[in-house]
């Protein structure tokens, strides 16, 4: 087992600044090379505090603001115009950055592209859903309409 400090939020493990214990192969082969974590050491407490303060600054200020944004996101239908081929198959797939840009363009608010998660990859036009983690304790479901770009 290896102790690591998460530098980014990883679904199922924790948020940035958390000190967790994972299997050494998972840390060595995935978390550290991708930049999601750094190795833990006794002198890294200062680094943990910096990561936590940066996360707090990025997080929405209050729970009321987050709930208001959640209500806006869940009541609207966000339209995404993407390039697609015949029969509605996309060239690639919809990314979190695409959803964040579309939400902002629709005037619903600003969301972090790293907090957008898809239950399944979106590779076809049509109606889909994505979840947005607004805070550690608040998740919004966004309805997406993927439209072929002309």
N, C-alpha and C. Protein backbone atom coordinates (compact mmCIF):
# COMPACT_ATOMS: atom_id res chain seq x y z
N UNK A 1 0.84 -1.18 0.00
CA UNK A 1 0.00 0.00 0.00
C UNK A 1 0.89 1.24 0.00
N UNK A 2 0.42 2.28 -0.70
CA UNK A 2 1.17 3.53 -0.79
C UNK A 2 0.28 4.68 -0.36
N UNK A 3 0.86 5.63 0.36
CA UNK A 3 0.15 6.83 0.79
C UNK A 3 0.43 7.93 -0.22
N UNK A 4 -0.65 8.56 -0.73
CA UNK A 4 -0.50 9.64 -1.70
C UNK A 4 -1.39 10.82 -1.31
N UNK A 5 -1.04 11.97 -1.85
CA UNK A 5 -1.85 13.19 -1.68
C UNK A 5 -2.49 13.47 -3.03
N UNK A 6 -3.82 13.55 -3.07
CA UNK A 6 -4.50 13.83 -4.32
C UNK A 6 -4.34 15.31 -4.67
N UNK A 7 -3.99 15.58 -5.93
CA UNK A 7 -3.86 16.95 -6.40
C UNK A 7 -5.08 17.38 -7.20
N UNK A 8 -5.89 16.42 -7.63
CA UNK A 8 -7.14 16.66 -8.35
C UNK A 8 -8.20 15.75 -7.76
N UNK A 9 -9.45 16.08 -8.02
CA UNK A 9 -10.53 15.20 -7.57
C UNK A 9 -10.55 13.95 -8.43
N UNK A 10 -10.64 12.79 -7.79
CA UNK A 10 -10.72 11.51 -8.48
C UNK A 10 -11.99 10.81 -7.98
N UNK A 11 -12.89 10.51 -8.91
CA UNK A 11 -14.15 9.88 -8.53
C UNK A 11 -13.90 8.58 -7.79
N UNK A 12 -14.55 8.41 -6.66
CA UNK A 12 -14.43 7.19 -5.89
C UNK A 12 -13.27 7.19 -4.90
N UNK A 13 -12.34 8.13 -5.02
CA UNK A 13 -11.20 8.18 -4.11
C UNK A 13 -11.27 9.37 -3.16
N UNK A 14 -11.45 10.56 -3.71
CA UNK A 14 -11.49 11.73 -2.86
C UNK A 14 -11.25 13.00 -3.65
N UNK A 15 -11.11 14.10 -2.91
CA UNK A 15 -10.94 15.41 -3.51
C UNK A 15 -9.49 15.87 -3.35
N UNK A 16 -9.17 16.96 -4.02
CA UNK A 16 -7.81 17.50 -3.95
C UNK A 16 -7.45 17.83 -2.51
N UNK A 17 -6.27 17.43 -2.11
CA UNK A 17 -5.80 17.69 -0.76
C UNK A 17 -6.01 16.54 0.20
N UNK A 18 -6.74 15.53 -0.20
CA UNK A 18 -6.96 14.37 0.67
C UNK A 18 -5.74 13.46 0.65
N UNK A 19 -5.38 12.94 1.81
CA UNK A 19 -4.30 11.97 1.92
C UNK A 19 -4.97 10.60 1.99
N UNK A 20 -4.68 9.74 1.01
CA UNK A 20 -5.33 8.43 0.95
C UNK A 20 -4.28 7.35 0.81
N UNK A 21 -4.72 6.14 1.06
CA UNK A 21 -3.85 4.98 0.91
C UNK A 21 -4.44 4.09 -0.18
N UNK A 22 -3.63 3.84 -1.23
CA UNK A 22 -4.05 3.01 -2.35
C UNK A 22 -2.98 1.95 -2.61
N UNK A 23 -3.31 1.00 -3.46
CA UNK A 23 -2.32 -0.01 -3.81
C UNK A 23 -1.16 0.66 -4.54
N UNK A 24 0.03 0.19 -4.27
CA UNK A 24 1.23 0.85 -4.79
C UNK A 24 1.26 0.87 -6.32
N UNK A 25 0.78 -0.17 -6.97
CA UNK A 25 0.76 -0.21 -8.43
C UNK A 25 -0.18 0.83 -9.02
N UNK A 26 -1.32 1.04 -8.38
CA UNK A 26 -2.29 2.03 -8.84
C UNK A 26 -1.69 3.43 -8.72
N UNK A 27 -0.99 3.68 -7.62
CA UNK A 27 -0.35 4.97 -7.43
C UNK A 27 0.79 5.15 -8.43
N UNK A 28 1.64 4.17 -8.56
CA UNK A 28 2.84 4.26 -9.39
C UNK A 28 2.51 4.31 -10.88
N UNK A 29 1.50 3.55 -11.32
CA UNK A 29 1.21 3.44 -12.74
C UNK A 29 0.12 4.35 -13.26
N UNK A 30 -0.75 4.88 -12.38
CA UNK A 30 -1.86 5.69 -12.86
C UNK A 30 -1.91 7.06 -12.20
N UNK A 31 -2.06 7.11 -10.89
CA UNK A 31 -2.29 8.39 -10.22
C UNK A 31 -1.13 9.37 -10.36
N UNK A 32 0.08 8.94 -10.08
CA UNK A 32 1.23 9.84 -10.13
C UNK A 32 1.59 10.24 -11.56
N UNK A 33 1.67 9.31 -12.54
CA UNK A 33 2.01 9.74 -13.91
C UNK A 33 0.99 10.67 -14.54
N UNK A 34 -0.29 10.50 -14.23
CA UNK A 34 -1.33 11.35 -14.79
C UNK A 34 -1.41 12.70 -14.08
N UNK A 35 -0.73 12.85 -12.96
CA UNK A 35 -0.74 14.12 -12.24
C UNK A 35 -1.90 14.25 -11.26
N UNK A 36 -2.59 13.16 -10.98
CA UNK A 36 -3.71 13.19 -10.04
C UNK A 36 -3.25 13.14 -8.59
N UNK A 37 -2.02 12.72 -8.35
CA UNK A 37 -1.53 12.57 -6.98
C UNK A 37 -0.02 12.73 -6.95
N UNK A 38 0.48 13.01 -5.75
CA UNK A 38 1.92 13.02 -5.49
C UNK A 38 2.18 12.13 -4.29
N UNK A 39 3.40 11.62 -4.20
CA UNK A 39 3.75 10.75 -3.09
C UNK A 39 3.71 11.52 -1.77
N UNK A 40 3.28 10.85 -0.73
CA UNK A 40 3.18 11.45 0.58
C UNK A 40 4.51 11.32 1.30
N UNK A 41 4.88 12.36 2.04
CA UNK A 41 6.06 12.30 2.90
C UNK A 41 5.75 13.13 4.14
N UNK A 42 6.58 13.00 5.15
CA UNK A 42 6.34 13.72 6.40
C UNK A 42 6.37 15.23 6.21
N UNK A 43 7.15 15.72 5.29
CA UNK A 43 7.27 17.16 5.08
C UNK A 43 6.24 17.73 4.13
N UNK A 44 5.28 16.95 3.71
CA UNK A 44 4.33 17.42 2.71
C UNK A 44 3.06 18.02 3.29
N UNK A 45 3.00 18.24 4.58
CA UNK A 45 1.80 18.83 5.20
C UNK A 45 1.54 20.23 4.67
N UNK A 46 2.60 20.99 4.39
CA UNK A 46 2.45 22.34 3.85
C UNK A 46 1.81 22.27 2.46
N UNK A 47 2.21 21.29 1.67
CA UNK A 47 1.67 21.11 0.34
C UNK A 47 0.17 20.75 0.41
N UNK A 48 -0.19 19.93 1.37
CA UNK A 48 -1.60 19.56 1.55
C UNK A 48 -2.43 20.80 1.85
N UNK A 49 -1.94 21.68 2.69
CA UNK A 49 -2.67 22.91 3.02
C UNK A 49 -2.82 23.81 1.80
N UNK A 50 -1.80 23.91 0.96
CA UNK A 50 -1.89 24.72 -0.25
C UNK A 50 -2.95 24.17 -1.21
N UNK A 51 -2.98 22.86 -1.36
CA UNK A 51 -3.95 22.23 -2.25
C UNK A 51 -5.36 22.46 -1.72
N UNK A 52 -5.55 22.30 -0.43
CA UNK A 52 -6.88 22.49 0.16
C UNK A 52 -7.35 23.94 0.04
N UNK A 53 -6.45 24.90 0.24
CA UNK A 53 -6.85 26.30 0.13
C UNK A 53 -7.20 26.65 -1.32
N UNK A 54 -6.48 26.09 -2.28
CA UNK A 54 -6.80 26.33 -3.69
C UNK A 54 -8.15 25.72 -4.04
N UNK A 55 -8.45 24.54 -3.49
CA UNK A 55 -9.74 23.90 -3.74
C UNK A 55 -10.86 24.72 -3.15
N UNK A 56 -10.67 25.25 -1.95
CA UNK A 56 -11.69 26.07 -1.30
C UNK A 56 -11.96 27.34 -2.10
N UNK A 57 -10.93 27.91 -2.70
CA UNK A 57 -11.11 29.12 -3.50
C UNK A 57 -11.90 28.83 -4.77
N UNK A 58 -11.70 27.65 -5.36
CA UNK A 58 -12.43 27.28 -6.58
C UNK A 58 -13.86 26.88 -6.31
N UNK A 59 -14.13 26.35 -5.13
CA UNK A 59 -15.46 25.87 -4.79
C UNK A 59 -16.43 27.04 -4.72
N UNK A 60 -17.65 26.79 -5.03
CA UNK A 60 -18.65 27.85 -4.93
C UNK A 60 -18.74 28.33 -3.48
N UNK A 61 -18.88 29.62 -3.34
CA UNK A 61 -18.74 30.26 -2.03
C UNK A 61 -19.72 29.72 -0.99
N UNK A 62 -20.97 29.67 -1.33
CA UNK A 62 -21.94 29.25 -0.32
C UNK A 62 -22.83 28.13 -0.83
N UNK A 63 -23.45 27.45 0.09
CA UNK A 63 -24.36 26.37 -0.26
C UNK A 63 -25.59 26.91 -1.00
N UNK A 64 -26.04 28.12 -0.63
CA UNK A 64 -27.22 28.71 -1.28
C UNK A 64 -26.94 28.98 -2.77
N UNK A 65 -25.74 29.50 -3.06
CA UNK A 65 -25.38 29.75 -4.46
C UNK A 65 -25.34 28.44 -5.24
N UNK A 66 -24.78 27.41 -4.63
CA UNK A 66 -24.68 26.11 -5.29
C UNK A 66 -26.07 25.52 -5.54
N UNK A 67 -26.96 25.66 -4.59
CA UNK A 67 -28.33 25.14 -4.78
C UNK A 67 -29.06 25.91 -5.87
N UNK A 68 -28.85 27.22 -5.93
CA UNK A 68 -29.48 28.02 -6.99
C UNK A 68 -28.97 27.60 -8.36
N UNK A 69 -27.66 27.36 -8.46
CA UNK A 69 -27.08 26.91 -9.72
C UNK A 69 -27.60 25.52 -10.09
N UNK A 70 -27.75 24.66 -9.08
CA UNK A 70 -28.29 23.30 -9.32
C UNK A 70 -29.70 23.39 -9.89
N UNK A 71 -30.55 24.26 -9.32
CA UNK A 71 -31.91 24.41 -9.81
C UNK A 71 -31.93 24.89 -11.26
N UNK A 72 -31.04 25.85 -11.58
CA UNK A 72 -30.97 26.36 -12.96
C UNK A 72 -30.54 25.27 -13.92
N UNK A 73 -29.52 24.50 -13.53
CA UNK A 73 -28.99 23.45 -14.41
C UNK A 73 -30.00 22.34 -14.64
N UNK A 74 -30.73 21.96 -13.59
CA UNK A 74 -31.66 20.84 -13.73
C UNK A 74 -32.95 21.22 -14.44
N UNK A 75 -33.28 22.52 -14.49
CA UNK A 75 -34.52 22.92 -15.14
C UNK A 75 -34.33 23.23 -16.62
N UNK A 76 -33.11 23.37 -17.09
CA UNK A 76 -32.86 23.76 -18.47
C UNK A 76 -32.40 22.58 -19.31
N UNK A 77 -32.56 22.74 -20.62
CA UNK A 77 -32.04 21.78 -21.59
C UNK A 77 -30.88 22.46 -22.30
N UNK A 78 -29.70 21.91 -22.15
CA UNK A 78 -28.49 22.50 -22.73
C UNK A 78 -28.26 21.89 -24.11
N UNK A 79 -28.13 22.77 -25.11
CA UNK A 79 -27.93 22.30 -26.48
C UNK A 79 -26.46 22.36 -26.85
N UNK A 80 -25.97 21.24 -27.40
CA UNK A 80 -24.58 21.13 -27.84
C UNK A 80 -24.57 20.89 -29.34
N UNK A 81 -23.88 21.74 -30.08
CA UNK A 81 -23.75 21.56 -31.52
C UNK A 81 -22.37 20.96 -31.78
N UNK A 82 -22.34 19.73 -32.29
CA UNK A 82 -21.08 19.03 -32.52
C UNK A 82 -21.05 18.46 -33.94
N UNK A 83 -19.84 18.26 -34.44
CA UNK A 83 -19.69 17.68 -35.77
C UNK A 83 -20.01 16.20 -35.72
N UNK A 84 -20.78 15.76 -36.71
CA UNK A 84 -21.13 14.34 -36.74
C UNK A 84 -21.20 13.86 -38.18
N UNK A 85 -21.12 12.56 -38.31
CA UNK A 85 -21.20 11.94 -39.62
C UNK A 85 -22.61 11.46 -39.89
N UNK A 86 -22.70 10.54 -40.81
CA UNK A 86 -23.99 9.97 -41.17
C UNK A 86 -24.57 9.21 -39.98
N UNK A 87 -25.88 9.17 -39.91
CA UNK A 87 -26.61 8.43 -38.87
C UNK A 87 -26.37 8.97 -37.47
N UNK A 88 -25.88 10.21 -37.35
CA UNK A 88 -25.76 10.84 -36.04
C UNK A 88 -24.57 10.42 -35.20
N UNK A 89 -23.60 9.73 -35.77
CA UNK A 89 -22.41 9.32 -35.01
C UNK A 89 -21.43 10.49 -34.96
N UNK A 90 -20.97 10.82 -33.76
CA UNK A 90 -20.08 11.96 -33.57
C UNK A 90 -18.66 11.62 -33.98
N UNK A 91 -17.92 12.67 -34.37
CA UNK A 91 -16.48 12.53 -34.59
C UNK A 91 -15.83 12.72 -33.24
N UNK A 92 -15.56 11.66 -32.53
CA UNK A 92 -15.05 11.74 -31.16
C UNK A 92 -16.21 11.57 -30.19
N UNK A 93 -16.16 12.28 -29.07
CA UNK A 93 -17.24 12.23 -28.11
C UNK A 93 -17.34 13.57 -27.40
N UNK A 94 -18.42 13.77 -26.67
CA UNK A 94 -18.64 15.01 -25.94
C UNK A 94 -17.75 14.98 -24.69
N UNK A 95 -17.05 16.08 -24.42
CA UNK A 95 -16.16 16.18 -23.27
C UNK A 95 -16.75 17.13 -22.23
N UNK A 96 -16.16 17.11 -21.06
CA UNK A 96 -16.60 18.01 -19.99
C UNK A 96 -16.45 19.47 -20.36
N UNK A 97 -15.39 19.79 -21.10
CA UNK A 97 -15.18 21.17 -21.54
C UNK A 97 -16.29 21.63 -22.48
N UNK A 98 -16.79 20.72 -23.33
CA UNK A 98 -17.88 21.07 -24.24
C UNK A 98 -19.14 21.42 -23.44
N UNK A 99 -19.43 20.63 -22.42
CA UNK A 99 -20.61 20.87 -21.59
C UNK A 99 -20.46 22.19 -20.83
N UNK A 100 -19.29 22.43 -20.26
CA UNK A 100 -19.06 23.67 -19.50
C UNK A 100 -19.23 24.89 -20.39
N UNK A 101 -18.71 24.83 -21.61
CA UNK A 101 -18.84 25.94 -22.55
C UNK A 101 -20.30 26.16 -22.94
N UNK A 102 -21.04 25.08 -23.19
CA UNK A 102 -22.44 25.19 -23.58
C UNK A 102 -23.29 25.74 -22.44
N UNK A 103 -23.01 25.34 -21.21
CA UNK A 103 -23.76 25.84 -20.05
C UNK A 103 -23.52 27.34 -19.89
N UNK A 104 -22.28 27.76 -20.05
CA UNK A 104 -21.97 29.18 -19.93
C UNK A 104 -22.60 29.98 -21.07
N UNK A 105 -22.58 29.44 -22.29
CA UNK A 105 -23.17 30.12 -23.45
C UNK A 105 -24.68 30.24 -23.31
N UNK A 106 -25.31 29.29 -22.62
CA UNK A 106 -26.76 29.34 -22.41
C UNK A 106 -27.13 30.32 -21.30
N UNK A 107 -26.14 30.87 -20.62
CA UNK A 107 -26.41 31.85 -19.58
C UNK A 107 -26.84 31.25 -18.26
N UNK A 108 -26.49 29.98 -18.04
CA UNK A 108 -26.91 29.30 -16.81
C UNK A 108 -25.91 29.48 -15.67
N UNK A 109 -24.69 29.88 -15.98
CA UNK A 109 -23.67 30.02 -14.95
C UNK A 109 -22.37 29.40 -15.41
N UNK A 110 -21.39 29.44 -14.54
CA UNK A 110 -20.06 28.92 -14.87
C UNK A 110 -19.82 27.66 -14.05
N UNK A 111 -19.42 26.58 -14.72
CA UNK A 111 -19.10 25.34 -14.03
C UNK A 111 -17.68 24.91 -14.40
N UNK A 112 -17.09 24.11 -13.56
CA UNK A 112 -15.74 23.61 -13.78
C UNK A 112 -15.81 22.38 -14.68
N UNK A 113 -15.06 22.39 -15.78
CA UNK A 113 -15.10 21.27 -16.72
C UNK A 113 -14.63 19.97 -16.10
N UNK A 114 -13.79 20.05 -15.07
CA UNK A 114 -13.28 18.84 -14.42
C UNK A 114 -14.32 18.19 -13.52
N UNK A 115 -15.41 18.89 -13.23
CA UNK A 115 -16.44 18.36 -12.35
C UNK A 115 -17.60 17.71 -13.12
N UNK A 116 -17.50 17.70 -14.45
CA UNK A 116 -18.55 17.10 -15.29
C UNK A 116 -18.23 15.63 -15.48
N UNK A 117 -19.22 14.78 -15.21
CA UNK A 117 -19.05 13.33 -15.36
C UNK A 117 -20.17 12.77 -16.22
N UNK A 118 -19.82 11.76 -17.02
CA UNK A 118 -20.80 11.11 -17.89
C UNK A 118 -20.97 9.67 -17.45
N UNK A 119 -22.23 9.19 -17.32
CA UNK A 119 -22.44 7.78 -16.98
C UNK A 119 -21.92 6.88 -18.10
N UNK A 120 -22.12 7.30 -19.34
CA UNK A 120 -21.63 6.59 -20.53
C UNK A 120 -21.08 7.63 -21.50
N UNK A 121 -20.06 7.30 -22.28
CA UNK A 121 -19.55 8.26 -23.26
C UNK A 121 -20.65 8.64 -24.26
N UNK A 122 -20.70 9.91 -24.62
CA UNK A 122 -21.71 10.39 -25.57
C UNK A 122 -21.08 10.39 -26.95
N UNK A 123 -21.54 9.48 -27.81
CA UNK A 123 -20.97 9.32 -29.14
C UNK A 123 -22.00 9.46 -30.25
N UNK A 124 -23.27 9.74 -29.89
CA UNK A 124 -24.34 9.90 -30.87
C UNK A 124 -25.14 11.15 -30.56
N UNK A 125 -25.80 11.69 -31.59
CA UNK A 125 -26.68 12.83 -31.37
C UNK A 125 -27.93 12.33 -30.63
N UNK A 126 -28.64 13.26 -30.03
CA UNK A 126 -29.85 12.92 -29.29
C UNK A 126 -29.81 13.51 -27.90
N UNK A 127 -30.70 13.02 -27.04
CA UNK A 127 -30.80 13.51 -25.67
C UNK A 127 -29.98 12.62 -24.73
N UNK A 128 -29.18 13.26 -23.87
CA UNK A 128 -28.31 12.57 -22.94
C UNK A 128 -28.32 13.30 -21.60
N UNK A 129 -27.66 12.72 -20.61
CA UNK A 129 -27.53 13.34 -19.30
C UNK A 129 -26.08 13.31 -18.85
N UNK A 130 -25.72 14.31 -18.07
CA UNK A 130 -24.40 14.38 -17.44
C UNK A 130 -24.60 14.88 -16.02
N UNK A 131 -23.67 14.53 -15.13
CA UNK A 131 -23.75 15.04 -13.76
C UNK A 131 -22.62 16.04 -13.54
N UNK A 132 -22.92 17.04 -12.73
CA UNK A 132 -21.94 18.07 -12.40
C UNK A 132 -21.82 18.11 -10.88
N UNK A 133 -20.62 17.90 -10.37
CA UNK A 133 -20.38 17.97 -8.93
C UNK A 133 -20.09 19.42 -8.57
N UNK A 134 -21.09 20.10 -8.00
CA UNK A 134 -20.95 21.51 -7.65
C UNK A 134 -20.16 21.70 -6.37
N UNK A 135 -20.38 20.84 -5.41
CA UNK A 135 -19.64 20.81 -4.15
C UNK A 135 -19.47 19.35 -3.77
N UNK A 136 -18.76 19.10 -2.68
CA UNK A 136 -18.57 17.71 -2.26
C UNK A 136 -19.90 17.03 -1.93
N UNK A 137 -20.88 17.82 -1.49
CA UNK A 137 -22.15 17.26 -1.05
C UNK A 137 -23.32 17.60 -1.97
N UNK A 138 -23.05 18.13 -3.17
CA UNK A 138 -24.14 18.58 -4.05
C UNK A 138 -23.82 18.24 -5.51
N UNK A 139 -24.72 17.46 -6.12
CA UNK A 139 -24.54 17.03 -7.51
C UNK A 139 -25.78 17.42 -8.30
N UNK A 140 -25.57 18.00 -9.49
CA UNK A 140 -26.68 18.38 -10.37
C UNK A 140 -26.67 17.51 -11.61
N UNK A 141 -27.86 17.18 -12.11
CA UNK A 141 -27.99 16.42 -13.35
C UNK A 141 -28.38 17.38 -14.46
N UNK A 142 -27.60 17.38 -15.53
CA UNK A 142 -27.83 18.29 -16.65
C UNK A 142 -28.37 17.50 -17.82
N UNK A 143 -29.48 17.99 -18.41
CA UNK A 143 -30.04 17.36 -19.60
C UNK A 143 -29.38 17.99 -20.82
N UNK A 144 -28.82 17.15 -21.68
CA UNK A 144 -28.11 17.62 -22.87
C UNK A 144 -28.85 17.20 -24.12
N UNK A 145 -28.91 18.10 -25.09
CA UNK A 145 -29.42 17.76 -26.39
C UNK A 145 -28.27 17.94 -27.38
N UNK A 146 -27.75 16.83 -27.88
CA UNK A 146 -26.62 16.86 -28.80
C UNK A 146 -27.18 16.95 -30.21
N UNK A 147 -26.80 18.03 -30.90
CA UNK A 147 -27.34 18.32 -32.24
C UNK A 147 -26.20 18.31 -33.24
N UNK A 148 -26.45 17.73 -34.42
CA UNK A 148 -25.45 17.70 -35.48
C UNK A 148 -25.21 19.11 -36.00
N UNK A 149 -23.95 19.48 -36.13
CA UNK A 149 -23.58 20.81 -36.63
C UNK A 149 -23.68 20.80 -38.13
N UNK A 150 -24.27 21.81 -38.67
CA UNK A 150 -24.45 21.91 -40.14
C UNK A 150 -23.34 22.71 -40.76
